[in-house]
Amino acid sequence: MSDSGKEPKSRPRFVAGAVCPSCGVVDRMVVDANADHRRCVACDFVEARPDAPVEQPATRVTRASARRVETAAEAVKLLDN
């Protein structure tokens, strides 16, 4: 491999389980790290990567109010039969 100062060309990566929105084929979507798009190798569908980050849905773990509440510890009494 020669070191000519150029960045190595990256290969497209397949996205496991991804379904093409155009043709519906599974496991044919690829993402190129250098390009800002994903494409389907079965039907040549191309879609640009979204500019804004995807917002996470609120869950009991990610809600700010859930992180502020501290559950008080309670003593446990063990009974011997």
N, C-alpha and C. Protein backbone atom coordinates (compact mmCIF):
# COMPACT_ATOMS: atom_id res chain seq x y z
N MET A 1 0.83 -1.16 0.00
CA MET A 1 0.00 0.00 0.00
C MET A 1 0.88 1.23 0.00
N SER A 2 0.65 2.15 -0.90
CA SER A 2 1.48 3.34 -0.96
C SER A 2 0.91 4.43 -0.07
N ASP A 3 1.80 5.25 0.49
CA ASP A 3 1.40 6.33 1.37
C ASP A 3 1.52 7.63 0.58
N SER A 4 0.51 7.96 -0.21
CA SER A 4 0.56 9.14 -1.07
C SER A 4 -0.11 10.35 -0.43
N GLY A 5 -0.45 10.27 0.86
CA GLY A 5 -1.06 11.39 1.54
C GLY A 5 -2.57 11.42 1.43
N LYS A 6 -3.13 10.53 0.65
CA LYS A 6 -4.59 10.46 0.52
C LYS A 6 -5.16 9.56 1.60
N GLU A 7 -6.41 9.87 2.01
CA GLU A 7 -7.08 9.00 2.97
C GLU A 7 -7.48 7.71 2.27
N PRO A 8 -7.41 6.59 2.97
CA PRO A 8 -7.81 5.33 2.34
C PRO A 8 -9.30 5.34 2.03
N LYS A 9 -9.65 4.77 0.91
CA LYS A 9 -11.05 4.72 0.50
C LYS A 9 -11.77 3.67 1.35
N SER A 10 -12.85 4.09 2.00
CA SER A 10 -13.58 3.14 2.85
C SER A 10 -14.62 2.41 2.02
N ARG A 11 -14.88 1.20 2.42
CA ARG A 11 -15.86 0.38 1.74
C ARG A 11 -17.23 0.62 2.36
N PRO A 12 -18.28 0.51 1.56
CA PRO A 12 -19.62 0.65 2.12
C PRO A 12 -19.91 -0.50 3.09
N ARG A 13 -20.66 -0.21 4.15
CA ARG A 13 -21.02 -1.22 5.14
C ARG A 13 -22.49 -1.56 5.01
N PHE A 14 -22.80 -2.85 5.02
CA PHE A 14 -24.19 -3.29 5.00
C PHE A 14 -24.81 -3.07 6.37
N VAL A 15 -26.08 -2.67 6.40
CA VAL A 15 -26.81 -2.46 7.64
C VAL A 15 -27.68 -3.69 7.86
N ALA A 16 -27.37 -4.47 8.88
CA ALA A 16 -28.08 -5.72 9.16
C ALA A 16 -29.54 -5.44 9.52
N GLY A 17 -30.44 -6.14 8.86
CA GLY A 17 -31.86 -6.04 9.17
C GLY A 17 -32.55 -4.83 8.59
N ALA A 18 -31.84 -3.98 7.86
CA ALA A 18 -32.45 -2.78 7.28
C ALA A 18 -33.31 -3.15 6.09
N VAL A 19 -34.47 -2.51 6.00
CA VAL A 19 -35.41 -2.75 4.91
C VAL A 19 -35.40 -1.53 4.00
N CYS A 20 -35.28 -1.75 2.71
CA CYS A 20 -35.29 -0.66 1.75
C CYS A 20 -36.70 -0.07 1.68
N PRO A 21 -36.84 1.25 1.85
CA PRO A 21 -38.17 1.85 1.79
C PRO A 21 -38.76 1.86 0.38
N SER A 22 -37.93 1.66 -0.64
CA SER A 22 -38.41 1.68 -2.01
C SER A 22 -38.88 0.30 -2.49
N CYS A 23 -38.00 -0.70 -2.37
CA CYS A 23 -38.34 -2.03 -2.90
C CYS A 23 -38.72 -3.04 -1.82
N GLY A 24 -38.44 -2.74 -0.54
CA GLY A 24 -38.82 -3.61 0.56
C GLY A 24 -37.92 -4.80 0.79
N VAL A 25 -36.79 -4.86 0.12
CA VAL A 25 -35.86 -5.97 0.28
C VAL A 25 -35.06 -5.79 1.58
N VAL A 26 -34.85 -6.87 2.30
CA VAL A 26 -34.12 -6.83 3.57
C VAL A 26 -32.64 -7.10 3.32
N ASP A 27 -31.78 -6.45 4.11
CA ASP A 27 -30.32 -6.66 4.10
C ASP A 27 -29.65 -6.28 2.78
N ARG A 28 -30.12 -5.24 2.13
CA ARG A 28 -29.47 -4.76 0.91
C ARG A 28 -29.10 -3.28 1.02
N MET A 29 -29.26 -2.68 2.22
CA MET A 29 -28.94 -1.27 2.43
C MET A 29 -27.48 -1.15 2.85
N VAL A 30 -26.75 -0.19 2.25
CA VAL A 30 -25.37 0.06 2.60
C VAL A 30 -25.20 1.52 2.98
N VAL A 31 -24.23 1.77 3.87
CA VAL A 31 -23.89 3.12 4.29
C VAL A 31 -22.41 3.32 4.02
N ASP A 32 -22.08 4.44 3.40
CA ASP A 32 -20.69 4.77 3.14
C ASP A 32 -20.25 5.80 4.17
N ALA A 33 -19.15 5.57 4.85
CA ALA A 33 -18.69 6.47 5.91
C ALA A 33 -18.29 7.84 5.35
N ASN A 34 -17.80 7.90 4.13
CA ASN A 34 -17.37 9.17 3.54
C ASN A 34 -18.52 9.96 2.92
N ALA A 35 -19.55 9.28 2.48
CA ALA A 35 -20.69 9.95 1.85
C ALA A 35 -21.82 10.08 2.86
N ASP A 36 -22.61 11.10 2.70
CA ASP A 36 -23.72 11.33 3.63
C ASP A 36 -25.03 10.78 3.06
N HIS A 37 -25.02 9.51 2.71
CA HIS A 37 -26.25 8.89 2.21
C HIS A 37 -26.21 7.38 2.45
N ARG A 38 -27.40 6.79 2.35
CA ARG A 38 -27.51 5.33 2.37
C ARG A 38 -28.15 4.94 1.05
N ARG A 39 -27.86 3.73 0.62
CA ARG A 39 -28.41 3.30 -0.67
C ARG A 39 -28.72 1.81 -0.65
N CYS A 40 -29.60 1.42 -1.54
CA CYS A 40 -29.99 0.02 -1.69
C CYS A 40 -29.27 -0.54 -2.90
N VAL A 41 -28.59 -1.67 -2.73
CA VAL A 41 -27.87 -2.27 -3.85
C VAL A 41 -28.80 -3.07 -4.75
N ALA A 42 -30.02 -3.34 -4.30
CA ALA A 42 -30.97 -4.09 -5.12
C ALA A 42 -31.69 -3.19 -6.13
N CYS A 43 -32.08 -1.98 -5.70
CA CYS A 43 -32.88 -1.12 -6.60
C CYS A 43 -32.26 0.24 -6.83
N ASP A 44 -31.07 0.50 -6.31
CA ASP A 44 -30.36 1.77 -6.45
C ASP A 44 -31.08 2.95 -5.81
N PHE A 45 -31.90 2.70 -4.79
CA PHE A 45 -32.53 3.76 -4.00
C PHE A 45 -31.44 4.48 -3.22
N VAL A 46 -31.50 5.82 -3.16
CA VAL A 46 -30.52 6.61 -2.43
C VAL A 46 -31.26 7.61 -1.55
N GLU A 47 -30.83 7.73 -0.29
CA GLU A 47 -31.44 8.69 0.63
C GLU A 47 -30.33 9.40 1.39
N ALA A 48 -30.46 10.73 1.49
CA ALA A 48 -29.46 11.51 2.23
C ALA A 48 -29.62 11.27 3.73
N ARG A 49 -28.51 11.36 4.44
CA ARG A 49 -28.52 11.24 5.89
C ARG A 49 -29.20 12.47 6.49
N PRO A 50 -30.02 12.31 7.52
CA PRO A 50 -30.68 13.50 8.10
C PRO A 50 -29.67 14.44 8.75
N ASP A 51 -29.93 15.75 8.63
CA ASP A 51 -29.03 16.75 9.21
C ASP A 51 -29.16 16.82 10.72
N ALA A 52 -30.39 16.81 11.21
CA ALA A 52 -30.62 16.93 12.66
C ALA A 52 -30.53 15.55 13.30
N PRO A 53 -30.00 15.48 14.52
CA PRO A 53 -29.96 14.19 15.20
C PRO A 53 -31.37 13.72 15.55
N VAL A 54 -31.56 12.42 15.53
CA VAL A 54 -32.86 11.84 15.84
C VAL A 54 -33.11 11.99 17.33
N GLU A 55 -34.28 12.48 17.68
CA GLU A 55 -34.61 12.68 19.08
C GLU A 55 -35.04 11.37 19.71
N GLN A 56 -34.51 11.08 20.90
CA GLN A 56 -34.86 9.85 21.59
C GLN A 56 -36.25 10.00 22.21
N PRO A 57 -37.06 8.94 22.15
CA PRO A 57 -38.37 9.01 22.81
C PRO A 57 -38.20 9.02 24.32
N ALA A 58 -39.12 9.70 25.00
CA ALA A 58 -39.05 9.77 26.46
C ALA A 58 -39.44 8.42 27.05
N THR A 59 -38.61 7.91 27.92
CA THR A 59 -38.89 6.66 28.62
C THR A 59 -38.72 6.91 30.10
N ARG A 60 -39.01 5.93 30.92
CA ARG A 60 -38.88 6.11 32.36
C ARG A 60 -37.43 6.34 32.77
N VAL A 61 -36.50 5.94 31.93
CA VAL A 61 -35.08 6.11 32.24
C VAL A 61 -34.56 7.46 31.74
N THR A 62 -35.03 7.91 30.59
CA THR A 62 -34.50 9.13 30.00
C THR A 62 -35.21 10.40 30.45
N ARG A 63 -36.38 10.29 31.08
CA ARG A 63 -37.09 11.49 31.54
C ARG A 63 -36.30 12.16 32.65
N ALA A 64 -36.20 13.47 32.59
CA ALA A 64 -35.47 14.22 33.61
C ALA A 64 -36.12 14.08 34.97
N SER A 65 -37.45 14.05 35.01
CA SER A 65 -38.14 13.94 36.30
C SER A 65 -37.87 12.58 36.95
N ALA A 66 -37.69 11.55 36.17
CA ALA A 66 -37.41 10.22 36.73
C ALA A 66 -36.01 10.17 37.33
N ARG A 67 -35.10 10.93 36.79
CA ARG A 67 -33.73 10.93 37.32
C ARG A 67 -33.63 11.73 38.61
N ARG A 68 -34.56 12.68 38.83
CA ARG A 68 -34.50 13.52 40.03
C ARG A 68 -35.08 12.83 41.25
N VAL A 69 -35.97 11.85 41.06
CA VAL A 69 -36.64 11.20 42.18
C VAL A 69 -35.74 10.12 42.75
N GLU A 70 -35.51 10.19 44.03
CA GLU A 70 -34.70 9.20 44.72
C GLU A 70 -35.63 8.37 45.61
N THR A 71 -35.62 7.08 45.46
CA THR A 71 -36.47 6.21 46.26
C THR A 71 -35.80 5.99 47.62
N ALA A 72 -36.58 6.22 48.66
CA ALA A 72 -36.04 6.05 50.01
C ALA A 72 -35.83 4.57 50.31
N ALA A 73 -34.76 4.27 51.01
CA ALA A 73 -34.46 2.90 51.39
C ALA A 73 -35.33 2.49 52.56
N GLU A 74 -35.80 1.26 52.55
CA GLU A 74 -36.62 0.74 53.62
C GLU A 74 -35.95 -0.50 54.22
N ALA A 75 -36.09 -0.64 55.53
CA ALA A 75 -35.53 -1.81 56.20
C ALA A 75 -36.34 -3.04 55.84
N VAL A 76 -35.68 -4.16 55.69
CA VAL A 76 -36.35 -5.43 55.39
C VAL A 76 -36.19 -6.35 56.60
N LYS A 77 -37.28 -6.94 57.04
CA LYS A 77 -37.23 -7.82 58.20
C LYS A 77 -37.33 -9.26 57.68
N LEU A 78 -36.33 -10.08 57.98
CA LEU A 78 -36.34 -11.47 57.58
C LEU A 78 -36.94 -12.32 58.67
N LEU A 79 -37.88 -13.18 58.34
CA LEU A 79 -38.54 -14.05 59.30
C LEU A 79 -37.99 -15.45 59.18
N ASP A 80 -37.73 -16.08 60.31
CA ASP A 80 -37.23 -17.44 60.32
C ASP A 80 -38.38 -18.37 60.71
N ASN A 81 -38.65 -19.39 59.96
CA ASN A 81 -39.75 -20.32 60.26
C ASN A 81 -39.37 -21.35 61.24
